[in-house]
mmCIF file of all heavy atoms, coordinates in Angstrom:
data_MODEL
# 
_entry.id   MODEL 
# 
loop_
_atom_site.group_PDB 
_atom_site.id 
_atom_site.type_symbol 
_atom_site.label_atom_id 
_atom_site.label_alt_id 
_atom_site.label_comp_id 
_atom_site.label_asym_id 
_atom_site.label_entity_id 
_atom_site.label_seq_id 
_atom_site.pdbx_PDB_ins_code 
_atom_site.Cartn_x 
_atom_site.Cartn_y 
_atom_site.Cartn_z 
_atom_site.occupancy 
_atom_site.B_iso_or_equiv 
_atom_site.pdbx_formal_charge 
_atom_site.auth_seq_id 
_atom_site.auth_comp_id 
_atom_site.auth_asym_id 
_atom_site.auth_atom_id 
_atom_site.pdbx_PDB_model_num 
ATOM 1   N N   . ASN A 1 1  ? 0.807  -1.214 -0.006 1.00 0.00 ? 1  ASN A N   1 
ATOM 2   C CA  . ASN A 1 1  ? 0.005  0.000  0.004  1.00 0.00 ? 1  ASN A CA  1 
ATOM 3   C C   . ASN A 1 1  ? 0.860  1.277  0.006  1.00 0.00 ? 1  ASN A C   1 
ATOM 4   O O   . ASN A 1 1  ? 0.371  2.342  0.369  1.00 0.00 ? 1  ASN A O   1 
ATOM 5   C CB  . ASN A 1 1  ? -0.936 0.030  1.183  1.00 0.00 ? 1  ASN A CB  1 
ATOM 6   C CG  . ASN A 1 1  ? -0.234 -0.126 2.525  1.00 0.00 ? 1  ASN A CG  1 
ATOM 7   O OD1 . ASN A 1 1  ? 0.980  -0.258 2.580  1.00 0.00 ? 1  ASN A OD1 1 
ATOM 8   N ND2 . ASN A 1 1  ? -0.975 -0.085 3.599  1.00 0.00 ? 1  ASN A ND2 1 
ATOM 9   N N   . TYR A 1 2  ? 2.111  1.161  -0.428 1.00 0.00 ? 2  TYR A N   1 
ATOM 10  C CA  . TYR A 1 2  ? 2.953  2.333  -0.571 1.00 0.00 ? 2  TYR A CA  1 
ATOM 11  C C   . TYR A 1 2  ? 2.839  2.824  -2.011 1.00 0.00 ? 2  TYR A C   1 
ATOM 12  O O   . TYR A 1 2  ? 3.097  2.078  -2.937 1.00 0.00 ? 2  TYR A O   1 
ATOM 13  C CB  . TYR A 1 2  ? 4.418  1.990  -0.237 1.00 0.00 ? 2  TYR A CB  1 
ATOM 14  C CG  . TYR A 1 2  ? 5.293  3.247  -0.058 1.00 0.00 ? 2  TYR A CG  1 
ATOM 15  C CD1 . TYR A 1 2  ? 5.388  3.869  1.179  1.00 0.00 ? 2  TYR A CD1 1 
ATOM 16  C CD2 . TYR A 1 2  ? 5.955  3.774  -1.123 1.00 0.00 ? 2  TYR A CD2 1 
ATOM 17  C CE1 . TYR A 1 2  ? 6.156  5.013  1.324  1.00 0.00 ? 2  TYR A CE1 1 
ATOM 18  C CE2 . TYR A 1 2  ? 6.749  4.918  -1.008 1.00 0.00 ? 2  TYR A CE2 1 
ATOM 19  C CZ  . TYR A 1 2  ? 6.850  5.516  0.251  1.00 0.00 ? 2  TYR A CZ  1 
ATOM 20  O OH  . TYR A 1 2  ? 7.590  6.636  0.380  1.00 0.00 ? 2  TYR A OH  1 
ATOM 21  N N   . MET A 1 3  ? 2.509  4.110  -2.164 1.00 0.00 ? 3  MET A N   1 
ATOM 22  C CA  . MET A 1 3  ? 2.220  4.638  -3.489 1.00 0.00 ? 3  MET A CA  1 
ATOM 23  C C   . MET A 1 3  ? 3.424  4.475  -4.405 1.00 0.00 ? 3  MET A C   1 
ATOM 24  O O   . MET A 1 3  ? 4.542  4.760  -4.035 1.00 0.00 ? 3  MET A O   1 
ATOM 25  C CB  . MET A 1 3  ? 1.855  6.152  -3.395 1.00 0.00 ? 3  MET A CB  1 
ATOM 26  C CG  . MET A 1 3  ? 1.332  6.712  -4.688 1.00 0.00 ? 3  MET A CG  1 
ATOM 27  S SD  . MET A 1 3  ? 1.015  8.499  -4.596 1.00 0.00 ? 3  MET A SD  1 
ATOM 28  C CE  . MET A 1 3  ? 2.686  9.122  -4.569 1.00 0.00 ? 3  MET A CE  1 
ATOM 29  N N   . GLY A 1 4  ? 3.149  4.051  -5.647 1.00 0.00 ? 4  GLY A N   1 
ATOM 30  C CA  . GLY A 1 4  ? 4.150  3.954  -6.660 1.00 0.00 ? 4  GLY A CA  1 
ATOM 31  C C   . GLY A 1 4  ? 4.695  2.569  -6.898 1.00 0.00 ? 4  GLY A C   1 
ATOM 32  O O   . GLY A 1 4  ? 5.468  2.342  -7.810 1.00 0.00 ? 4  GLY A O   1 
ATOM 33  N N   . PHE A 1 5  ? 4.268  1.607  -6.045 1.00 0.00 ? 5  PHE A N   1 
ATOM 34  C CA  . PHE A 1 5  ? 4.719  0.262  -6.180 1.00 0.00 ? 5  PHE A CA  1 
ATOM 35  C C   . PHE A 1 5  ? 3.514  -0.720 -6.215 1.00 0.00 ? 5  PHE A C   1 
ATOM 36  O O   . PHE A 1 5  ? 3.188  -1.360 -5.236 1.00 0.00 ? 5  PHE A O   1 
ATOM 37  C CB  . PHE A 1 5  ? 5.673  -0.132 -5.055 1.00 0.00 ? 5  PHE A CB  1 
ATOM 38  C CG  . PHE A 1 5  ? 6.905  0.698  -5.001 1.00 0.00 ? 5  PHE A CG  1 
ATOM 39  C CD1 . PHE A 1 5  ? 6.980  1.834  -4.212 1.00 0.00 ? 5  PHE A CD1 1 
ATOM 40  C CD2 . PHE A 1 5  ? 7.994  0.378  -5.789 1.00 0.00 ? 5  PHE A CD2 1 
ATOM 41  C CE1 . PHE A 1 5  ? 8.133  2.615  -4.206 1.00 0.00 ? 5  PHE A CE1 1 
ATOM 42  C CE2 . PHE A 1 5  ? 9.156  1.147  -5.796 1.00 0.00 ? 5  PHE A CE2 1 
ATOM 43  C CZ  . PHE A 1 5  ? 9.213  2.267  -5.000 1.00 0.00 ? 5  PHE A CZ  1 
ATOM 44  N N   . PRO A 1 6  ? 2.857  -0.743 -7.350 1.00 0.00 ? 6  PRO A N   1 
ATOM 45  C CA  . PRO A 1 6  ? 1.578  -1.541 -7.423 1.00 0.00 ? 6  PRO A CA  1 
ATOM 46  C C   . PRO A 1 6  ? 1.753  -3.011 -7.244 1.00 0.00 ? 6  PRO A C   1 
ATOM 47  O O   . PRO A 1 6  ? 0.834  -3.664 -6.808 1.00 0.00 ? 6  PRO A O   1 
ATOM 48  C CB  . PRO A 1 6  ? 1.092  -1.224 -8.878 1.00 0.00 ? 6  PRO A CB  1 
ATOM 49  C CG  . PRO A 1 6  ? 2.298  -0.819 -9.615 1.00 0.00 ? 6  PRO A CG  1 
ATOM 50  C CD  . PRO A 1 6  ? 3.151  -0.084 -8.648 1.00 0.00 ? 6  PRO A CD  1 
ATOM 51  N N   . THR A 1 7  ? 2.966  -3.535 -7.477 1.00 0.00 ? 7  THR A N   1 
ATOM 52  C CA  . THR A 1 7  ? 3.175  -4.964 -7.219 1.00 0.00 ? 7  THR A CA  1 
ATOM 53  C C   . THR A 1 7  ? 3.836  -5.242 -5.885 1.00 0.00 ? 7  THR A C   1 
ATOM 54  O O   . THR A 1 7  ? 4.208  -6.333 -5.579 1.00 0.00 ? 7  THR A O   1 
ATOM 55  C CB  . THR A 1 7  ? 4.060  -5.590 -8.347 1.00 0.00 ? 7  THR A CB  1 
ATOM 56  O OG1 . THR A 1 7  ? 5.299  -4.913 -8.391 1.00 0.00 ? 7  THR A OG1 1 
ATOM 57  C CG2 . THR A 1 7  ? 3.375  -5.469 -9.686 1.00 0.00 ? 7  THR A CG2 1 
ATOM 58  N N   . GLY A 1 8  ? 3.993  -4.179 -5.115 1.00 0.00 ? 8  GLY A N   1 
ATOM 59  C CA  . GLY A 1 8  ? 4.596  -4.302 -3.785 1.00 0.00 ? 8  GLY A CA  1 
ATOM 60  C C   . GLY A 1 8  ? 6.106  -4.169 -3.783 1.00 0.00 ? 8  GLY A C   1 
ATOM 61  O O   . GLY A 1 8  ? 6.759  -4.268 -4.824 1.00 0.00 ? 8  GLY A O   1 
ATOM 62  N N   . ILE A 1 9  ? 6.629  -3.945 -2.611 1.00 0.00 ? 9  ILE A N   1 
ATOM 63  C CA  . ILE A 1 9  ? 8.090  -3.841 -2.462 1.00 0.00 ? 9  ILE A CA  1 
ATOM 64  C C   . ILE A 1 9  ? 8.426  -4.210 -1.018 1.00 0.00 ? 9  ILE A C   1 
ATOM 65  O O   . ILE A 1 9  ? 7.666  -3.952 -0.114 1.00 0.00 ? 9  ILE A O   1 
ATOM 66  C CB  . ILE A 1 9  ? 8.601  -2.399 -2.763 1.00 0.00 ? 9  ILE A CB  1 
ATOM 67  C CG1 . ILE A 1 9  ? 10.131 -2.306 -2.718 1.00 0.00 ? 9  ILE A CG1 1 
ATOM 68  C CG2 . ILE A 1 9  ? 7.964  -1.379 -1.808 1.00 0.00 ? 9  ILE A CG2 1 
ATOM 69  C CD1 . ILE A 1 9  ? 10.694 -0.991 -3.225 1.00 0.00 ? 9  ILE A CD1 1 
ATOM 70  N N   . SER A 1 10 ? 9.536  -4.868 -0.855 1.00 0.00 ? 10 SER A N   1 
ATOM 71  C CA  . SER A 1 10 ? 9.937  -5.171 0.519  1.00 0.00 ? 10 SER A CA  1 
ATOM 72  C C   . SER A 1 10 ? 10.390 -3.916 1.223  1.00 0.00 ? 10 SER A C   1 
ATOM 73  O O   . SER A 1 10 ? 10.876 -2.979 0.631  1.00 0.00 ? 10 SER A O   1 
ATOM 74  C CB  . SER A 1 10 ? 11.086 -6.225 0.532  1.00 0.00 ? 10 SER A CB  1 
ATOM 75  O OG  . SER A 1 10 ? 12.275 -5.600 0.145  1.00 0.00 ? 10 SER A OG  1 
ATOM 76  N N   . GLY A 1 11 ? 10.190 -3.880 2.556  1.00 0.00 ? 11 GLY A N   1 
ATOM 77  C CA  . GLY A 1 11 ? 10.594 -2.741 3.341  1.00 0.00 ? 11 GLY A CA  1 
ATOM 78  C C   . GLY A 1 11 ? 12.079 -2.473 3.209  1.00 0.00 ? 11 GLY A C   1 
ATOM 79  O O   . GLY A 1 11 ? 12.537 -1.326 3.137  1.00 0.00 ? 11 GLY A O   1 
ATOM 80  N N   . ALA A 1 12 ? 12.883 -3.570 3.171  1.00 0.00 ? 12 ALA A N   1 
ATOM 81  C CA  . ALA A 1 12 ? 14.340 -3.406 3.067  1.00 0.00 ? 12 ALA A CA  1 
ATOM 82  C C   . ALA A 1 12 ? 14.703 -2.757 1.765  1.00 0.00 ? 12 ALA A C   1 
ATOM 83  O O   . ALA A 1 12 ? 15.585 -1.909 1.677  1.00 0.00 ? 12 ALA A O   1 
ATOM 84  C CB  . ALA A 1 12 ? 14.997 -4.749 3.207  1.00 0.00 ? 12 ALA A CB  1 
ATOM 85  N N   . ASP A 1 13 ? 14.091 -3.180 0.634  1.00 0.00 ? 13 ASP A N   1 
ATOM 86  C CA  . ASP A 1 13 ? 14.374 -2.591 -0.662 1.00 0.00 ? 13 ASP A CA  1 
ATOM 87  C C   . ASP A 1 13 ? 13.989 -1.140 -0.747 1.00 0.00 ? 13 ASP A C   1 
ATOM 88  O O   . ASP A 1 13 ? 14.663 -0.293 -1.329 1.00 0.00 ? 13 ASP A O   1 
ATOM 89  C CB  . ASP A 1 13 ? 13.699 -3.392 -1.798 1.00 0.00 ? 13 ASP A CB  1 
ATOM 90  C CG  . ASP A 1 13 ? 14.656 -4.297 -2.531 1.00 0.00 ? 13 ASP A CG  1 
ATOM 91  O OD1 . ASP A 1 13 ? 15.853 -3.937 -2.606 1.00 0.00 ? 13 ASP A OD1 1 
ATOM 92  O OD2 . ASP A 1 13 ? 14.247 -5.342 -3.082 1.00 0.00 ? 13 ASP A OD2 1 
ATOM 93  N N   . LEU A 1 14 ? 12.789 -0.825 -0.200 1.00 0.00 ? 14 LEU A N   1 
ATOM 94  C CA  . LEU A 1 14 ? 12.334 0.556  -0.186 1.00 0.00 ? 14 LEU A CA  1 
ATOM 95  C C   . LEU A 1 14 ? 13.313 1.482  0.491  1.00 0.00 ? 14 LEU A C   1 
ATOM 96  O O   . LEU A 1 14 ? 13.679 2.514  -0.023 1.00 0.00 ? 14 LEU A O   1 
ATOM 97  C CB  . LEU A 1 14 ? 10.933 0.618  0.444  1.00 0.00 ? 14 LEU A CB  1 
ATOM 98  C CG  . LEU A 1 14 ? 10.332 2.022  0.547  1.00 0.00 ? 14 LEU A CG  1 
ATOM 99  C CD1 . LEU A 1 14 ? 10.035 2.537  -0.842 1.00 0.00 ? 14 LEU A CD1 1 
ATOM 100 C CD2 . LEU A 1 14 ? 9.060  2.009  1.389  1.00 0.00 ? 14 LEU A CD2 1 
ATOM 101 N N   . VAL A 1 15 ? 13.732 1.102  1.696  1.00 0.00 ? 15 VAL A N   1 
ATOM 102 C CA  . VAL A 1 15 ? 14.643 1.967  2.468  1.00 0.00 ? 15 VAL A CA  1 
ATOM 103 C C   . VAL A 1 15 ? 16.026 1.946  1.850  1.00 0.00 ? 15 VAL A C   1 
ATOM 104 O O   . VAL A 1 15 ? 16.745 2.953  1.888  1.00 0.00 ? 15 VAL A O   1 
ATOM 105 C CB  . VAL A 1 15 ? 14.651 1.534  3.945  1.00 0.00 ? 15 VAL A CB  1 
ATOM 106 C CG1 . VAL A 1 15 ? 15.568 2.450  4.742  1.00 0.00 ? 15 VAL A CG1 1 
ATOM 107 C CG2 . VAL A 1 15 ? 13.242 1.597  4.539  1.00 0.00 ? 15 VAL A CG2 1 
ATOM 108 N N   . TRP A 1 16 ? 16.452 0.828  1.244  1.00 0.00 ? 16 TRP A N   1 
ATOM 109 C CA  . TRP A 1 16 ? 17.732 0.755  0.579  1.00 0.00 ? 16 TRP A CA  1 
ATOM 110 C C   . TRP A 1 16 ? 17.793 1.770  -0.568 1.00 0.00 ? 16 TRP A C   1 
ATOM 111 O O   . TRP A 1 16 ? 18.833 2.422  -0.747 1.00 0.00 ? 16 TRP A O   1 
ATOM 112 C CB  . TRP A 1 16 ? 18.025 -0.643 0.088  1.00 0.00 ? 16 TRP A CB  1 
ATOM 113 C CG  . TRP A 1 16 ? 19.403 -0.839 -0.437 1.00 0.00 ? 16 TRP A CG  1 
ATOM 114 C CD1 . TRP A 1 16 ? 20.562 -0.396 0.184  1.00 0.00 ? 16 TRP A CD1 1 
ATOM 115 C CD2 . TRP A 1 16 ? 19.816 -1.483 -1.637 1.00 0.00 ? 16 TRP A CD2 1 
ATOM 116 N NE1 . TRP A 1 16 ? 21.647 -0.778 -0.601 1.00 0.00 ? 16 TRP A NE1 1 
ATOM 117 C CE2 . TRP A 1 16 ? 21.221 -1.472 -1.698 1.00 0.00 ? 16 TRP A CE2 1 
ATOM 118 C CE3 . TRP A 1 16 ? 19.115 -2.148 -2.663 1.00 0.00 ? 16 TRP A CE3 1 
ATOM 119 C CZ2 . TRP A 1 16 ? 21.938 -2.007 -2.748 1.00 0.00 ? 16 TRP A CZ2 1 
ATOM 120 C CZ3 . TRP A 1 16 ? 19.807 -2.677 -3.697 1.00 0.00 ? 16 TRP A CZ3 1 
ATOM 121 C CH2 . TRP A 1 16 ? 21.238 -2.591 -3.739 1.00 0.00 ? 16 TRP A CH2 1 
ATOM 122 N N   . ARG A 1 17 ? 16.727 1.918  -1.299 1.00 0.00 ? 17 ARG A N   1 
ATOM 123 C CA  . ARG A 1 17 ? 16.659 2.935  -2.354 1.00 0.00 ? 17 ARG A CA  1 
ATOM 124 C C   . ARG A 1 17 ? 16.935 4.305  -1.748 1.00 0.00 ? 17 ARG A C   1 
ATOM 125 O O   . ARG A 1 17 ? 17.727 5.120  -2.301 1.00 0.00 ? 17 ARG A O   1 
ATOM 126 C CB  . ARG A 1 17 ? 15.301 2.940  -3.055 1.00 0.00 ? 17 ARG A CB  1 
ATOM 127 C CG  . ARG A 1 17 ? 15.012 1.728  -3.912 1.00 0.00 ? 17 ARG A CG  1 
ATOM 128 C CD  . ARG A 1 17 ? 13.524 1.755  -4.349 1.00 0.00 ? 17 ARG A CD  1 
ATOM 129 N NE  . ARG A 1 17 ? 13.206 0.627  -5.176 1.00 0.00 ? 17 ARG A NE  1 
ATOM 130 C CZ  . ARG A 1 17 ? 13.071 0.665  -6.534 1.00 0.00 ? 17 ARG A CZ  1 
ATOM 131 N NH1 . ARG A 1 17 ? 13.229 1.827  -7.139 1.00 0.00 ? 17 ARG A NH1 1 
ATOM 132 N NH2 . ARG A 1 17 ? 12.723 -0.408 -7.223 1.00 0.00 ? 17 ARG A NH2 1 
ATOM 133 N N   . GLY A 1 18 ? 16.293 4.590  -0.633 1.00 0.00 ? 18 GLY A N   1 
ATOM 134 C CA  . GLY A 1 18 ? 16.486 5.870  0.026  1.00 0.00 ? 18 GLY A CA  1 
ATOM 135 C C   . GLY A 1 18 ? 17.908 6.068  0.512  1.00 0.00 ? 18 GLY A C   1 
ATOM 136 O O   . GLY A 1 18 ? 18.488 7.143  0.435  1.00 0.00 ? 18 GLY A O   1 
ATOM 137 N N   . GLU A 1 19 ? 18.482 5.005  1.064  1.00 0.00 ? 19 GLU A N   1 
ATOM 138 C CA  . GLU A 1 19 ? 19.829 5.059  1.540  1.00 0.00 ? 19 GLU A CA  1 
ATOM 139 C C   . GLU A 1 19 ? 20.797 5.412  0.386  1.00 0.00 ? 19 GLU A C   1 
ATOM 140 O O   . GLU A 1 19 ? 21.702 6.275  0.573  1.00 0.00 ? 19 GLU A O   1 
ATOM 141 C CB  . GLU A 1 19 ? 20.244 3.729  2.177  1.00 0.00 ? 19 GLU A CB  1 
ATOM 142 C CG  . GLU A 1 19 ? 21.635 3.723  2.749  1.00 0.00 ? 19 GLU A CG  1 
ATOM 143 C CD  . GLU A 1 19 ? 22.056 2.374  3.296  1.00 0.00 ? 19 GLU A CD  1 
ATOM 144 O OE1 . GLU A 1 19 ? 21.266 1.416  3.165  1.00 0.00 ? 19 GLU A OE1 1 
ATOM 145 O OE2 . GLU A 1 19 ? 23.179 2.259  3.794  1.00 0.00 ? 19 GLU A OE2 1 
ATOM 146 N N   . ILE A 1 20 ? 20.627 4.781  -0.758 1.00 0.00 ? 20 ILE A N   1 
ATOM 147 C CA  . ILE A 1 20 ? 21.498 5.077  -1.880 1.00 0.00 ? 20 ILE A CA  1 
ATOM 148 C C   . ILE A 1 20 ? 21.301 6.529  -2.342 1.00 0.00 ? 20 ILE A C   1 
ATOM 149 O O   . ILE A 1 20 ? 22.291 7.225  -2.641 1.00 0.00 ? 20 ILE A O   1 
ATOM 150 C CB  . ILE A 1 20 ? 21.177 4.094  -3.028 1.00 0.00 ? 20 ILE A CB  1 
ATOM 151 C CG1 . ILE A 1 20 ? 21.599 2.681  -2.643 1.00 0.00 ? 20 ILE A CG1 1 
ATOM 152 C CG2 . ILE A 1 20 ? 21.935 4.545  -4.308 1.00 0.00 ? 20 ILE A CG2 1 
ATOM 153 C CD1 . ILE A 1 20 ? 21.165 1.616  -3.638 1.00 0.00 ? 20 ILE A CD1 1 
ATOM 154 N N   . GLN A 1 21 ? 20.044 6.952  -2.343 1.00 0.00 ? 21 GLN A N   1 
ATOM 155 C CA  . GLN A 1 21 ? 19.774 8.340  -2.697 1.00 0.00 ? 21 GLN A CA  1 
ATOM 156 C C   . GLN A 1 21 ? 20.501 9.308  -1.767 1.00 0.00 ? 21 GLN A C   1 
ATOM 157 O O   . GLN A 1 21 ? 21.094 10.300 -2.206 1.00 0.00 ? 21 GLN A O   1 
ATOM 158 C CB  . GLN A 1 21 ? 18.284 8.635  -2.605 1.00 0.00 ? 21 GLN A CB  1 
ATOM 159 C CG  . GLN A 1 21 ? 17.526 8.665  -3.943 1.00 0.00 ? 21 GLN A CG  1 
ATOM 160 C CD  . GLN A 1 21 ? 16.078 8.962  -3.716 1.00 0.00 ? 21 GLN A CD  1 
ATOM 161 O OE1 . GLN A 1 21 ? 15.408 8.295  -2.945 1.00 0.00 ? 21 GLN A OE1 1 
ATOM 162 N NE2 . GLN A 1 21 ? 15.613 9.993  -4.373 1.00 0.00 ? 21 GLN A NE2 1 
ATOM 163 N N   . ALA A 1 22 ? 20.390 9.040  -0.462 1.00 0.00 ? 22 ALA A N   1 
ATOM 164 C CA  . ALA A 1 22 ? 20.991 9.914  0.523  1.00 0.00 ? 22 ALA A CA  1 
ATOM 165 C C   . ALA A 1 22 ? 22.508 9.969  0.377  1.00 0.00 ? 22 ALA A C   1 
ATOM 166 O O   . ALA A 1 22 ? 23.140 11.007 0.424  1.00 0.00 ? 22 ALA A O   1 
ATOM 167 C CB  . ALA A 1 22 ? 20.600 9.491  1.935  1.00 0.00 ? 22 ALA A CB  1 
ATOM 168 N N   . MET A 1 23 ? 23.124 8.783  0.161  1.00 0.00 ? 23 MET A N   1 
ATOM 169 C CA  . MET A 1 23 ? 24.584 8.736  0.001  1.00 0.00 ? 23 MET A CA  1 
ATOM 170 C C   . MET A 1 23 ? 25.017 9.491  -1.275 1.00 0.00 ? 23 MET A C   1 
ATOM 171 O O   . MET A 1 23 ? 26.072 10.111 -1.297 1.00 0.00 ? 23 MET A O   1 
ATOM 172 C CB  . MET A 1 23 ? 25.037 7.293  -0.043 1.00 0.00 ? 23 MET A CB  1 
ATOM 173 C CG  . MET A 1 23 ? 24.951 6.588  1.297  1.00 0.00 ? 23 MET A CG  1 
ATOM 174 S SD  . MET A 1 23 ? 25.796 4.986  1.343  1.00 0.00 ? 23 MET A SD  1 
ATOM 175 C CE  . MET A 1 23 ? 24.815 4.000  0.221  1.00 0.00 ? 23 MET A CE  1 
ATOM 176 N N   . LYS A 1 24 ? 24.171 9.429  -2.300 1.00 0.00 ? 24 LYS A N   1 
ATOM 177 C CA  . LYS A 1 24 ? 24.472 10.196 -3.525 1.00 0.00 ? 24 LYS A CA  1 
ATOM 178 C C   . LYS A 1 24 ? 24.607 11.656 -3.261 1.00 0.00 ? 24 LYS A C   1 
ATOM 179 O O   . LYS A 1 24 ? 25.443 12.353 -3.851 1.00 0.00 ? 24 LYS A O   1 
ATOM 180 C CB  . LYS A 1 24 ? 23.394 9.928  -4.582 1.00 0.00 ? 24 LYS A CB  1 
ATOM 181 C CG  . LYS A 1 24 ? 23.642 10.639 -5.899 1.00 0.00 ? 24 LYS A CG  1 
ATOM 182 C CD  . LYS A 1 24 ? 22.474 10.446 -6.870 1.00 0.00 ? 24 LYS A CD  1 
ATOM 183 C CE  . LYS A 1 24 ? 21.313 11.318 -6.533 1.00 0.00 ? 24 LYS A CE  1 
ATOM 184 N NZ  . LYS A 1 24 ? 20.286 11.359 -7.600 1.00 0.00 ? 24 LYS A NZ  1 
# 
């Protein structure tokens, strides 16, 4: 139920995306 991921996403993958963004 997180917007933008109609097939779902694991919590670890979601936050990992953010971590990479932040490090960038």
